[in-house]
Amino acid sequence: MTPDLFKSSKYTHYGQPCISMMKDCFGGLLFWYNAINMPTKEKQDDDETAVLEAIAAMPEPDRAMGERLHAIITASAPALMPRTWYGMPAYTDGNKIVCFFRSRKKFGERYMTVGFNDVAKLDEGNLWPISFALTELTAAEEAKIAALVKKAVG
């Protein structure tokens, strides 16, 4: 090896070929990390299709409420990306699930559930609700849910 293969840095003892190889390796790892963790347009479309299919599979009246909830959530927080979570519609910030809803059929409940996870910014003092029972979706509930979703991502 010739002296011009070495750089004056804390990695000089590795030599330039080794440094170049490490940079290439790190670049490849970074590429795959981003490919896995940053949803592509196609993956986002697939995820939204899966959400719409999960909603379509719900029995009435949950299906109609689910379609409306999907519209409210996507309009209130366009940055959230739909995907399924345990087979139910959910909305992610690209990293973690922010909010979700599930059919009453999922656990044999008498109500649908609209819920928020720990990344939702709904904190109010030392105690705040993160899950809501929904038996009917009127304009009043739509407004409350829209406000909660906006606050959750705010």
C-alpha atoms as a PDB file:
ATOM      1  CA  MET A   1       0.000   0.000   0.000  1.00  0.00           C
ATOM      2  CA  THR A   2       1.100   3.506  -0.697  1.00  0.00           C
ATOM      3  CA  PRO A   3       0.878   6.333   1.820  1.00  0.00           C
ATOM      4  CA  ASP A   4      -1.818   8.128  -0.251  1.00  0.00           C
ATOM      5  CA  LEU A   5      -4.309   5.378   0.695  1.00  0.00           C
ATOM      6  CA  PHE A   6      -4.433   6.668   4.254  1.00  0.00           C
ATOM      7  CA  LYS A   7      -6.302   9.706   5.517  1.00  0.00           C
ATOM      8  CA  SER A   8      -5.500  11.695   8.587  1.00  0.00           C
ATOM      9  CA  SER A   9      -8.513  10.956  10.797  1.00  0.00           C
ATOM     10  CA  LYS A  10      -9.251   8.778  13.753  1.00  0.00           C
ATOM     11  CA  TYR A  11      -9.602   5.860  11.309  1.00  0.00           C
ATOM     12  CA  THR A  12      -6.126   6.137   9.741  1.00  0.00           C
ATOM     13  CA  HIS A  13      -5.099   2.775  11.091  1.00  0.00           C
ATOM     14  CA  TYR A  14      -7.756   1.107   8.885  1.00  0.00           C
ATOM     15  CA  GLY A  15      -6.480   2.424   5.583  1.00  0.00           C
ATOM     16  CA  GLN A  16      -8.488   3.886   2.728  1.00  0.00           C
ATOM     17  CA  PRO A  17      -9.658   0.606   1.147  1.00  0.00           C
ATOM     18  CA  CYS A  18     -11.086  -0.505   4.461  1.00  0.00           C
ATOM     19  CA  ILE A  19     -12.701   2.901   5.061  1.00  0.00           C
ATOM     20  CA  SER A  20     -14.259   2.806   1.581  1.00  0.00           C
ATOM     21  CA  MET A  21     -15.595  -0.684   2.232  1.00  0.00           C
ATOM     22  CA  MET A  22     -17.101   0.443   5.557  1.00  0.00           C
ATOM     23  CA  LYS A  23     -18.766   3.431   3.879  1.00  0.00           C
ATOM     24  CA  ASP A  24     -20.204   1.164   1.175  1.00  0.00           C
ATOM     25  CA  CYS A  25     -21.453  -1.304   3.755  1.00  0.00           C
ATOM     26  CA  PHE A  26     -23.012   1.435   5.892  1.00  0.00           C
ATOM     27  CA  GLY A  27     -24.603   2.976   2.797  1.00  0.00           C
ATOM     28  CA  GLY A  28     -26.151  -0.387   1.928  1.00  0.00           C
ATOM     29  CA  LEU A  29     -27.450  -0.872   5.440  1.00  0.00           C
ATOM     30  CA  LEU A  30     -28.889   2.648   5.443  1.00  0.00           C
ATOM     31  CA  PHE A  31     -30.574   1.970   2.098  1.00  0.00           C
ATOM     32  CA  TRP A  32     -32.275  -1.172   3.414  1.00  0.00           C
ATOM     33  CA  TYR A  33     -33.224   0.464   6.714  1.00  0.00           C
ATOM     34  CA  ASN A  34     -34.932   3.282   4.823  1.00  0.00           C
ATOM     35  CA  ALA A  35     -36.519   0.874   2.355  1.00  0.00           C
ATOM     36  CA  ILE A  36     -38.060  -1.105   5.202  1.00  0.00           C
ATOM     37  CA  ASN A  37     -39.054   1.797   7.439  1.00  0.00           C
ATOM     38  CA  MET A  38     -40.040   4.464   4.941  1.00  0.00           C
ATOM     39  CA  PRO A  39     -43.240   3.417   3.204  1.00  0.00           C
ATOM     40  CA  THR A  40     -43.212   3.705  -0.565  1.00  0.00           C
ATOM     41  CA  LYS A  41     -46.216   4.980  -2.479  1.00  0.00           C
ATOM     42  CA  GLU A  42     -47.041   1.407  -3.510  1.00  0.00           C
ATOM     43  CA  LYS A  43     -46.848   0.165   0.096  1.00  0.00           C
ATOM     44  CA  GLN A  44     -49.021   3.054   1.248  1.00  0.00           C
ATOM     45  CA  ASP A  45     -51.564   2.165  -1.448  1.00  0.00           C
ATOM     46  CA  ASP A  46     -51.462  -1.510  -0.407  1.00  0.00           C
ATOM     47  CA  ASP A  47     -51.921  -0.529   3.246  1.00  0.00           C
ATOM     48  CA  GLU A  48     -54.895   1.693   2.439  1.00  0.00           C
ATOM     49  CA  THR A  49     -56.432  -1.089   0.350  1.00  0.00           C
ATOM     50  CA  ALA A  50     -56.038  -3.455   3.321  1.00  0.00           C
ATOM     51  CA  VAL A  51     -57.755  -0.900   5.589  1.00  0.00           C
ATOM     52  CA  LEU A  52     -60.647  -0.485   3.150  1.00  0.00           C
ATOM     53  CA  GLU A  53     -60.970  -4.275   2.901  1.00  0.00           C
ATOM     54  CA  ALA A  54     -61.020  -4.564   6.711  1.00  0.00           C
ATOM     55  CA  ILE A  55     -63.781  -1.956   6.852  1.00  0.00           C
ATOM     56  CA  ALA A  56     -65.741  -3.709   4.072  1.00  0.00           C
ATOM     57  CA  ALA A  57     -65.564  -6.968   6.060  1.00  0.00           C
ATOM     58  CA  MET A  58     -67.255  -5.361   9.086  1.00  0.00           C
ATOM     59  CA  PRO A  59     -70.930  -6.114   9.671  1.00  0.00           C
ATOM     60  CA  GLU A  60     -73.432  -3.258   9.544  1.00  0.00           C
ATOM     61  CA  PRO A  61     -73.711  -0.756  11.203  1.00  0.00           C
ATOM     62  CA  ASP A  62     -69.961  -0.908  11.906  1.00  0.00           C
ATOM     63  CA  ARG A  63     -69.144  -0.877   8.195  1.00  0.00           C
ATOM     64  CA  ALA A  64     -70.926   2.440   7.611  1.00  0.00           C
ATOM     65  CA  MET A  65     -69.386   3.935  10.744  1.00  0.00           C
ATOM     66  CA  GLY A  66     -65.964   2.573   9.747  1.00  0.00           C
ATOM     67  CA  GLU A  67     -66.178   4.192   6.315  1.00  0.00           C
ATOM     68  CA  ARG A  68     -67.101   7.486   7.948  1.00  0.00           C
ATOM     69  CA  LEU A  69     -64.346   7.158  10.597  1.00  0.00           C
ATOM     70  CA  HIS A  70     -61.783   6.491   7.862  1.00  0.00           C
ATOM     71  CA  ALA A  71     -62.890   9.653   6.045  1.00  0.00           C
ATOM     72  CA  ILE A  72     -62.808  11.725   9.259  1.00  0.00           C
ATOM     73  CA  ILE A  73     -59.351  10.512  10.307  1.00  0.00           C
ATOM     74  CA  THR A  74     -57.749  10.940   6.879  1.00  0.00           C
ATOM     75  CA  ALA A  75     -59.283  14.419   6.482  1.00  0.00           C
ATOM     76  CA  SER A  76     -58.354  15.523  10.009  1.00  0.00           C
ATOM     77  CA  ALA A  77     -54.757  14.288   9.836  1.00  0.00           C
ATOM     78  CA  PRO A  78     -53.610  13.861   6.227  1.00  0.00           C
ATOM     79  CA  ALA A  79     -50.066  13.072   7.408  1.00  0.00           C
ATOM     80  CA  LEU A  80     -51.251   9.832   9.037  1.00  0.00           C
ATOM     81  CA  MET A  81     -50.975   6.739   6.871  1.00  0.00           C
ATOM     82  CA  PRO A  82     -53.619   4.027   7.043  1.00  0.00           C
ATOM     83  CA  ARG A  83     -52.611   0.422   7.681  1.00  0.00           C
ATOM     84  CA  THR A  84     -54.104  -2.558   9.432  1.00  0.00           C
ATOM     85  CA  TRP A  85     -53.129  -3.368  12.983  1.00  0.00           C
ATOM     86  CA  TYR A  86     -54.237  -6.745  14.361  1.00  0.00           C
ATOM     87  CA  GLY A  87     -56.600  -6.880  11.391  1.00  0.00           C
ATOM     88  CA  MET A  88     -58.316  -3.603  12.220  1.00  0.00           C
ATOM     89  CA  PRO A  89     -57.947  -0.134  10.636  1.00  0.00           C
ATOM     90  CA  ALA A  90     -55.182   1.980  12.156  1.00  0.00           C
ATOM     91  CA  TYR A  91     -53.313   5.153  11.288  1.00  0.00           C
ATOM     92  CA  THR A  92     -49.563   5.594  11.689  1.00  0.00           C
ATOM     93  CA  ASP A  93     -47.179   8.531  11.688  1.00  0.00           C
ATOM     94  CA  GLY A  94     -44.765   6.357   9.684  1.00  0.00           C
ATOM     95  CA  ASN A  95     -43.254   4.864  12.786  1.00  0.00           C
ATOM     96  CA  LYS A  96     -45.954   4.096  15.352  1.00  0.00           C
ATOM     97  CA  ILE A  97     -49.705   3.662  15.413  1.00  0.00           C
ATOM     98  CA  VAL A  98     -51.367   6.909  16.524  1.00  0.00           C
ATOM     99  CA  CYS A  99     -55.040   5.889  16.407  1.00  0.00           C
ATOM    100  CA  PHE A 100     -57.236   2.966  15.440  1.00  0.00           C
ATOM    101  CA  PHE A 101     -60.786   1.701  15.504  1.00  0.00           C
ATOM    102  CA  ARG A 102     -62.237  -1.740  15.711  1.00  0.00           C
ATOM    103  CA  SER A 103     -65.546  -3.389  15.050  1.00  0.00           C
ATOM    104  CA  ARG A 104     -67.696  -4.567  17.931  1.00  0.00           C
ATOM    105  CA  LYS A 105     -67.430  -8.031  16.336  1.00  0.00           C
ATOM    106  CA  LYS A 106     -63.669  -8.213  17.047  1.00  0.00           C
ATOM    107  CA  PHE A 107     -64.201  -9.032  20.740  1.00  0.00           C
ATOM    108  CA  GLY A 108     -67.983  -9.481  20.852  1.00  0.00           C
ATOM    109  CA  GLU A 109     -68.544  -6.056  22.387  1.00  0.00           C
ATOM    110  CA  ARG A 110     -71.722  -4.023  22.204  1.00  0.00           C
ATOM    111  CA  TYR A 111     -69.891  -0.981  20.808  1.00  0.00           C
ATOM    112  CA  MET A 112     -67.155  -0.047  18.347  1.00  0.00           C
ATOM    113  CA  THR A 113     -63.913   1.226  19.852  1.00  0.00           C
ATOM    114  CA  VAL A 114     -61.963   4.284  18.764  1.00  0.00           C
ATOM    115  CA  GLY A 115     -58.574   4.371  20.445  1.00  0.00           C
ATOM    116  CA  PHE A 116     -55.280   6.213  20.612  1.00  0.00           C
ATOM    117  CA  ASN A 117     -51.810   4.916  21.438  1.00  0.00           C
ATOM    118  CA  ASP A 118     -49.079   6.459  23.571  1.00  0.00           C
ATOM    119  CA  VAL A 119     -47.683   8.616  20.735  1.00  0.00           C
ATOM    120  CA  ALA A 120     -50.993  10.491  20.489  1.00  0.00           C
ATOM    121  CA  LYS A 121     -50.623  13.916  22.066  1.00  0.00           C
ATOM    122  CA  LEU A 122     -53.796  13.794  24.136  1.00  0.00           C
ATOM    123  CA  ASP A 123     -52.169  14.332  27.541  1.00  0.00           C
ATOM    124  CA  GLU A 124     -54.266  16.317  30.015  1.00  0.00           C
ATOM    125  CA  GLY A 125     -52.666  16.418  33.433  1.00  0.00           C
ATOM    126  CA  ASN A 126     -52.166  13.051  35.091  1.00  0.00           C
ATOM    127  CA  LEU A 127     -55.223  11.274  33.644  1.00  0.00           C
ATOM    128  CA  TRP A 128     -56.824  11.315  30.195  1.00  0.00           C
ATOM    129  CA  PRO A 129     -58.950   8.965  28.081  1.00  0.00           C
ATOM    130  CA  ILE A 130     -57.373   7.069  25.202  1.00  0.00           C
ATOM    131  CA  SER A 131     -60.215   4.737  24.233  1.00  0.00           C
ATOM    132  CA  PHE A 132     -63.809   5.543  23.390  1.00  0.00           C
ATOM    133  CA  ALA A 133     -66.922   3.405  22.944  1.00  0.00           C
ATOM    134  CA  LEU A 134     -68.984   4.301  19.889  1.00  0.00           C
ATOM    135  CA  THR A 135     -72.529   3.007  19.352  1.00  0.00           C
ATOM    136  CA  GLU A 136     -73.675   5.597  16.832  1.00  0.00           C
ATOM    137  CA  LEU A 137     -71.848   8.161  14.717  1.00  0.00           C
ATOM    138  CA  THR A 138     -73.719  11.458  14.622  1.00  0.00           C
ATOM    139  CA  ALA A 139     -72.412  14.896  13.666  1.00  0.00           C
ATOM    140  CA  ALA A 140     -71.551  15.546  17.323  1.00  0.00           C
ATOM    141  CA  GLU A 141     -69.369  12.420  17.562  1.00  0.00           C
ATOM    142  CA  GLU A 142     -67.797  13.172  14.185  1.00  0.00           C
ATOM    143  CA  ALA A 143     -66.750  16.621  15.425  1.00  0.00           C
ATOM    144  CA  LYS A 144     -65.329  15.185  18.675  1.00  0.00           C
ATOM    145  CA  ILE A 145     -63.363  12.488  16.850  1.00  0.00           C
ATOM    146  CA  ALA A 146     -62.010  14.984  14.302  1.00  0.00           C
ATOM    147  CA  ALA A 147     -60.860  17.268  17.139  1.00  0.00           C
ATOM    148  CA  LEU A 148     -59.215  14.348  18.994  1.00  0.00           C
ATOM    149  CA  VAL A 149     -57.364  13.202  15.881  1.00  0.00           C
ATOM    150  CA  LYS A 150     -56.101  16.727  15.182  1.00  0.00           C
ATOM    151  CA  LYS A 151     -54.957  17.057  18.784  1.00  0.00           C
ATOM    152  CA  ALA A 152     -53.332  13.604  18.677  1.00  0.00           C
ATOM    153  CA  VAL A 153     -51.020  14.582  15.829  1.00  0.00           C
ATOM    154  CA  GLY A 154     -50.608  18.222  16.881  1.00  0.00           C
END
